[in-house]
């Protein structure tokens, strides 16, 4: 059984669907509103669990109705919530999202209790000796806490994945980057981290700063894996896009899940790409995460088509 520990945000997404995204100062009329479980951490946890891993979520909620709903939805997804802290008198995190008819989106996040996540609240269970543990991080809890927890997980010999999204102005420390086995970012987060240029060259710059491997997600153009030995390109799978909210989180969660089972890195990248494509065909973030069986069937059909 693969095991993935996810450290990060837990939100509720309030989504309005429109024909086109508003310009600054513009008011537009939407045609549908929906509410979904969200947060990059929780999204990635659900993606990893649906892909077959045994998942534990580490995060922080408020003692409000949204917090109770999110605790229940995570447990319903088969995710261990024993390391989710509940803060009295603090609102749970929310995200306001607008999605246009092409599936593109804009997002504003009010982190609430996510801002109070603390390493002191974590109790690391005793895992089986020799068990492969993947620790997965994002950037929606305080960065100082993220970096300290990354270093703690590396001390415990975990495989560390850091999805450095959303972009932060504070650059990661060299000590933290040296603890990262796979740094995952999109092209915009990559350039924000190290500047403009060729993606492979920029990825090598991040490796020089300490990260062992770099994965760059390129949307409809696919993804790029850069290791010490090579740069490997994974093409995107073509689907009819409905909603891109959560596709990046789906990619990260399935990539982590695959690695936790010992799947080779290139095949893990392929499975993650297939899962992200599938998630773009369904509205919502967590509601769109495919099962391991869905991914297997999609990959089988794709191979036959080629």
Protein backbone atom coordinates (compact mmCIF):
# COMPACT_ATOMS: atom_id res chain seq x y z
CA UNK A 1 0.00 0.00 0.00
CA UNK A 2 1.38 3.39 -1.01
CA UNK A 3 1.29 6.05 1.71
CA UNK A 4 1.08 9.81 1.12
CA UNK A 5 1.14 12.53 3.81
CA UNK A 6 -0.29 15.85 2.63
CA UNK A 7 0.55 19.05 4.50
CA UNK A 8 -1.51 22.05 3.42
CA UNK A 9 -4.69 24.01 3.04
CA UNK A 10 -8.31 22.96 3.43
CA UNK A 11 -10.88 25.33 1.91
CA UNK A 12 -14.41 25.57 0.61
CA UNK A 13 -14.63 26.78 -3.01
CA UNK A 14 -17.44 29.16 -4.03
CA UNK A 15 -17.56 29.03 -7.82
CA UNK A 16 -19.42 31.30 -10.26
CA UNK A 17 -19.59 30.26 -13.92
CA UNK A 18 -19.60 33.04 -16.52
CA UNK A 19 -19.16 33.50 -20.27
CA UNK A 20 -16.00 35.60 -19.91
CA UNK A 21 -13.79 36.66 -16.99
CA UNK A 22 -14.41 40.23 -15.73
CA UNK A 23 -11.98 43.05 -16.37
CA UNK A 24 -10.86 45.19 -13.39
CA UNK A 25 -13.84 47.23 -12.18
CA UNK A 26 -16.30 45.32 -14.36
CA UNK A 27 -19.43 43.63 -13.01
CA UNK A 28 -20.73 40.69 -15.01
CA UNK A 29 -23.71 38.37 -14.62
CA UNK A 30 -22.95 34.70 -14.10
CA UNK A 31 -25.22 31.86 -15.13
CA UNK A 32 -24.50 29.32 -12.37
CA UNK A 33 -23.11 29.16 -8.83
CA UNK A 34 -21.81 26.04 -7.06
CA UNK A 35 -19.94 25.21 -3.86
CA UNK A 36 -17.26 22.51 -3.63
CA UNK A 37 -14.69 21.17 -1.14
CA UNK A 38 -11.32 22.74 -2.00
CA UNK A 39 -7.91 23.97 -0.91
CA UNK A 40 -4.74 22.87 -2.68
CA UNK A 41 -3.73 20.55 0.16
CA UNK A 42 -7.13 18.87 0.48
CA UNK A 43 -7.51 18.66 -3.31
CA UNK A 44 -4.18 16.88 -3.64
CA UNK A 45 -5.03 14.57 -0.74
CA UNK A 46 -8.29 13.52 -2.41
CA UNK A 47 -6.53 13.02 -5.75
CA UNK A 48 -3.91 10.78 -4.12
CA UNK A 49 -6.55 8.79 -2.23
CA UNK A 50 -8.71 8.21 -5.30
CA UNK A 51 -5.61 7.09 -7.16
CA UNK A 52 -5.20 4.34 -4.56
CA UNK A 53 -2.82 5.65 -1.89
CA UNK A 54 -3.37 5.56 1.85
CA UNK A 55 -3.51 9.28 2.66
CA UNK A 56 -3.22 11.34 5.84
CA UNK A 57 -4.06 15.07 5.83
CA UNK A 58 -2.21 17.58 8.03
CA UNK A 59 -3.96 20.95 8.19
CA UNK A 60 -6.07 23.42 10.17
CA UNK A 61 -9.81 24.21 10.19
CA UNK A 62 -12.04 26.58 12.11
CA UNK A 63 -14.78 25.36 14.43
CA UNK A 64 -17.50 26.57 12.04
CA UNK A 65 -19.99 24.85 9.75
CA UNK A 66 -17.59 24.93 6.79
CA UNK A 67 -14.87 23.33 8.91
CA UNK A 68 -17.21 20.54 9.97
CA UNK A 69 -18.25 19.98 6.35
CA UNK A 70 -14.62 19.76 5.20
CA UNK A 71 -13.67 17.36 7.98
CA UNK A 72 -16.56 15.12 6.94
CA UNK A 73 -15.77 15.32 3.22
CA UNK A 74 -12.13 14.34 3.79
CA UNK A 75 -13.10 11.40 5.97
CA UNK A 76 -15.71 10.36 3.38
CA UNK A 77 -12.88 10.30 0.82
CA UNK A 78 -11.05 7.77 3.01
CA UNK A 79 -8.44 10.25 4.24
CA UNK A 80 -7.13 10.14 7.82
CA UNK A 81 -7.98 13.41 9.60
CA UNK A 82 -6.32 12.68 12.95
CA UNK A 83 -3.71 15.42 12.34
CA UNK A 84 -6.19 18.13 11.34
CA UNK A 85 -6.27 20.81 14.06
CA UNK A 86 -9.53 22.67 14.80
CA UNK A 87 -9.13 26.28 16.02
CA UNK A 88 -11.86 27.78 18.19
CA UNK A 89 -13.30 31.12 17.07
CA UNK A 90 -11.46 31.11 13.72
CA UNK A 91 -13.19 30.87 10.31
CA UNK A 92 -12.22 28.07 7.97
CA UNK A 93 -10.53 28.96 4.67
CA UNK A 94 -12.50 29.78 1.53
CA UNK A 95 -11.75 30.48 -2.12
CA UNK A 96 -13.85 32.61 -4.47
CA UNK A 97 -13.51 31.36 -8.04
CA UNK A 98 -14.82 32.58 -11.40
CA UNK A 99 -14.73 30.15 -14.34
CA UNK A 100 -15.37 31.18 -17.96
CA UNK A 101 -16.84 29.10 -20.80
CA UNK A 102 -13.34 27.97 -21.89
CA UNK A 103 -12.66 26.53 -18.43
CA UNK A 104 -10.17 29.29 -17.50
CA UNK A 105 -10.44 30.76 -14.02
CA UNK A 106 -9.44 33.48 -11.57
CA UNK A 107 -9.21 32.74 -7.84
CA UNK A 108 -9.05 34.74 -4.60
CA UNK A 109 -8.34 32.91 -1.33
CA UNK A 110 -9.14 33.94 2.26
CA UNK A 111 -6.96 31.45 4.20
CA UNK A 112 -8.65 31.71 7.62
CA UNK A 113 -7.53 28.85 9.87
CA UNK A 114 -4.98 27.68 7.28
CA UNK A 115 -2.76 30.56 8.42
CA UNK A 116 -2.55 29.00 11.89
CA UNK A 117 -1.18 25.62 10.81
CA UNK A 118 1.80 24.83 13.04
CA UNK A 119 4.44 22.12 13.11
CA UNK A 120 3.96 21.82 16.88
CA UNK A 121 0.44 20.48 16.27
CA UNK A 122 1.73 17.53 14.22
CA UNK A 123 2.13 14.04 15.60
CA UNK A 124 4.01 11.79 13.20
CA UNK A 125 2.68 8.23 13.57
CA UNK A 126 5.08 5.30 13.76
CA UNK A 127 5.21 3.98 10.23
CA UNK A 128 6.46 0.54 9.28
CA UNK A 129 10.22 0.29 8.98
CA UNK A 130 11.22 0.39 5.33
CA UNK A 131 7.80 1.71 4.24
CA UNK A 132 8.04 4.29 1.44
CA UNK A 133 6.39 7.52 2.61
CA UNK A 134 5.73 10.42 0.24
CA UNK A 135 5.28 13.87 1.84
CA UNK A 136 3.44 16.37 -0.36
CA UNK A 137 3.43 20.17 0.18
CA UNK A 138 2.03 23.32 -1.46
CA UNK A 139 2.13 27.08 -0.70
CA UNK A 140 -1.25 27.86 0.91
CA UNK A 141 -0.10 27.66 4.53
CA UNK A 142 2.64 29.93 6.00
CA UNK A 143 5.85 29.35 4.07
CA UNK A 144 8.01 29.25 7.19
CA UNK A 145 5.91 26.37 8.51
CA UNK A 146 6.04 24.61 5.14
CA UNK A 147 9.82 24.86 4.99
CA UNK A 148 10.31 23.66 8.57
CA UNK A 149 8.00 20.71 7.98
CA UNK A 150 9.75 19.80 4.72
CA UNK A 151 13.05 19.64 6.55
CA UNK A 152 11.48 17.53 9.33
CA UNK A 153 10.06 15.05 6.79
CA UNK A 154 13.42 14.71 5.06
CA UNK A 155 15.04 13.91 8.43
CA UNK A 156 12.52 11.06 8.64
CA UNK A 157 13.68 9.76 5.23
CA UNK A 158 10.46 10.61 3.40
CA UNK A 159 10.30 11.34 -0.33
CA UNK A 160 9.48 15.07 -0.42
CA UNK A 161 7.38 16.72 -3.15
CA UNK A 162 6.80 20.49 -3.05
CA UNK A 163 4.25 22.03 -5.38
CA UNK A 164 5.48 25.61 -5.08
CA UNK A 165 2.07 27.14 -5.80
CA UNK A 166 0.77 29.72 -5.48
CA UNK A 167 3.88 31.84 -6.04
CA UNK A 168 5.35 33.58 -2.99
CA UNK A 169 7.70 36.55 -3.00
CA UNK A 170 9.89 34.93 -0.36
CA UNK A 171 12.48 32.67 -1.99
CA UNK A 172 12.85 29.18 -0.49
CA UNK A 173 15.95 28.63 1.61
CA UNK A 174 18.79 26.54 0.24
CA UNK A 175 18.44 24.16 3.19
CA UNK A 176 14.80 23.53 2.31
CA UNK A 177 15.44 23.06 -1.41
CA UNK A 178 18.12 20.48 -0.59
CA UNK A 179 15.41 18.51 1.22
CA UNK A 180 13.11 18.48 -1.84
CA UNK A 181 13.16 15.42 -4.10
CA UNK A 182 10.67 16.83 -6.65
CA UNK A 183 9.85 20.52 -6.94
CA UNK A 184 6.64 20.91 -8.99
CA UNK A 185 5.62 24.23 -10.56
CA UNK A 186 3.90 25.64 -13.63
CA UNK A 187 5.71 27.85 -16.13
CA UNK A 188 4.67 31.06 -14.35
CA UNK A 189 5.81 29.85 -10.94
CA UNK A 190 9.08 28.69 -12.51
CA UNK A 191 9.86 32.11 -13.98
CA UNK A 192 8.81 33.85 -10.75
CA UNK A 193 11.32 31.68 -8.90
CA UNK A 194 14.36 32.00 -11.17
CA UNK A 195 13.53 34.39 -14.04
CA UNK A 196 12.80 34.20 -17.77
CA UNK A 197 14.42 31.72 -20.12
CA UNK A 198 14.37 28.21 -21.49
CA UNK A 199 12.41 25.92 -19.18
CA UNK A 200 15.09 23.22 -19.06
CA UNK A 201 17.78 25.77 -18.25
CA UNK A 202 15.59 27.33 -15.55
CA UNK A 203 14.91 23.90 -14.05
CA UNK A 204 18.66 23.24 -13.91
CA UNK A 205 19.04 26.56 -12.06
CA UNK A 206 16.61 25.29 -9.40
CA UNK A 207 18.63 22.08 -9.18
CA UNK A 208 21.75 24.17 -8.60
CA UNK A 209 19.89 25.80 -5.70
CA UNK A 210 19.34 22.38 -4.16
CA UNK A 211 16.21 20.58 -5.48
CA UNK A 212 16.99 17.07 -6.76
CA UNK A 213 14.42 17.01 -9.59
CA UNK A 214 12.05 19.54 -11.15
CA UNK A 215 8.64 18.99 -12.78
CA UNK A 216 7.21 21.86 -14.84
CA UNK A 217 3.53 21.66 -15.78
CA UNK A 218 2.70 23.43 -19.05
CA UNK A 219 -1.08 23.14 -19.26
CA UNK A 220 -2.30 21.99 -22.67
CA UNK A 221 1.34 21.76 -23.79
CA UNK A 222 2.11 18.90 -21.37
CA UNK A 223 4.76 18.68 -18.68
CA UNK A 224 8.52 18.51 -18.32
CA UNK A 225 10.61 16.38 -15.96
CA UNK A 226 14.21 17.52 -15.44
CA UNK A 227 16.62 15.23 -13.59
CA UNK A 228 20.42 15.12 -13.37
CA UNK A 229 20.43 12.68 -16.28
CA UNK A 230 17.86 14.07 -18.72
CA UNK A 231 14.95 16.32 -19.59
CA UNK A 232 11.85 14.26 -20.37
CA UNK A 233 8.77 15.76 -22.06
CA UNK A 234 5.30 14.32 -21.42
CA UNK A 235 2.67 15.41 -23.91
CA UNK A 236 -0.76 16.47 -22.71
CA UNK A 237 -3.80 14.27 -23.31
CA UNK A 238 -6.48 15.89 -25.46
CA UNK A 239 -9.93 16.20 -23.87
CA UNK A 240 -12.96 18.49 -24.05
CA UNK A 241 -12.24 20.95 -21.24
CA UNK A 242 -15.11 21.89 -18.92
CA UNK A 243 -13.31 23.30 -15.84
CA UNK A 244 -9.57 23.58 -15.13
CA UNK A 245 -10.02 24.27 -11.38
CA UNK A 246 -8.01 21.64 -9.51
CA UNK A 247 -6.27 20.07 -12.51
CA UNK A 248 -2.83 21.03 -11.20
CA UNK A 249 -3.72 19.62 -7.79
CA UNK A 250 -4.94 16.42 -9.43
CA UNK A 251 -1.60 16.13 -11.24
CA UNK A 252 0.36 16.52 -7.99
CA UNK A 253 -1.78 14.12 -5.98
CA UNK A 254 -1.67 11.36 -8.58
CA UNK A 255 2.07 11.86 -9.14
CA UNK A 256 2.64 11.47 -5.39
CA UNK A 257 0.35 8.44 -5.20
CA UNK A 258 2.12 6.72 -8.10
CA UNK A 259 5.56 7.33 -6.61
CA UNK A 260 4.37 5.95 -3.25
CA UNK A 261 3.64 2.63 -4.98
CA UNK A 262 7.12 2.56 -6.51
CA UNK A 263 5.91 3.35 -10.04
CA UNK A 264 8.86 4.61 -12.16
CA UNK A 265 9.07 8.39 -12.40
CA UNK A 266 8.25 8.69 -16.12
CA UNK A 267 5.22 6.44 -15.81
CA UNK A 268 4.15 8.36 -12.69
CA UNK A 269 4.35 11.54 -14.77
CA UNK A 270 2.23 9.93 -17.50
CA UNK A 271 -0.42 8.79 -15.00
CA UNK A 272 -0.50 12.26 -13.44
CA UNK A 273 -0.95 13.86 -16.87
CA UNK A 274 -3.79 11.49 -17.74
CA UNK A 275 -5.51 12.15 -14.41
CA UNK A 276 -5.23 15.93 -14.84
CA UNK A 277 -6.79 15.67 -18.29
CA UNK A 278 -9.68 13.63 -16.92
CA UNK A 279 -10.24 16.11 -14.09
CA UNK A 280 -10.62 18.96 -16.61
CA UNK A 281 -13.72 17.25 -18.06
CA UNK A 282 -15.76 17.60 -14.82
CA UNK A 283 -16.80 20.67 -12.82
CA UNK A 284 -15.19 21.34 -9.45
CA UNK A 285 -11.89 20.39 -7.89
CA UNK A 286 -12.26 17.39 -5.56
CA UNK A 287 -15.41 16.23 -7.34
CA UNK A 288 -13.40 15.87 -10.55
CA UNK A 289 -10.56 13.70 -9.22
CA UNK A 290 -10.49 10.36 -11.10
CA UNK A 291 -10.12 6.91 -9.54
CA UNK A 292 -7.20 4.59 -10.28
CA UNK A 293 -9.56 2.57 -12.50
CA UNK A 294 -10.58 5.69 -14.43
CA UNK A 295 -6.93 6.51 -15.07
CA UNK A 296 -6.10 2.95 -16.15
CA UNK A 297 -9.01 2.85 -18.61
CA UNK A 298 -8.14 6.27 -20.04
CA UNK A 299 -4.50 5.28 -20.55
CA UNK A 300 -5.54 2.00 -22.17
CA UNK A 301 -7.81 3.80 -24.63
CA UNK A 302 -5.07 6.36 -25.35
CA UNK A 303 -2.55 3.60 -26.13
CA UNK A 304 -5.01 1.90 -28.46
CA UNK A 305 -5.65 5.20 -30.24
CA UNK A 306 -1.94 5.49 -30.97
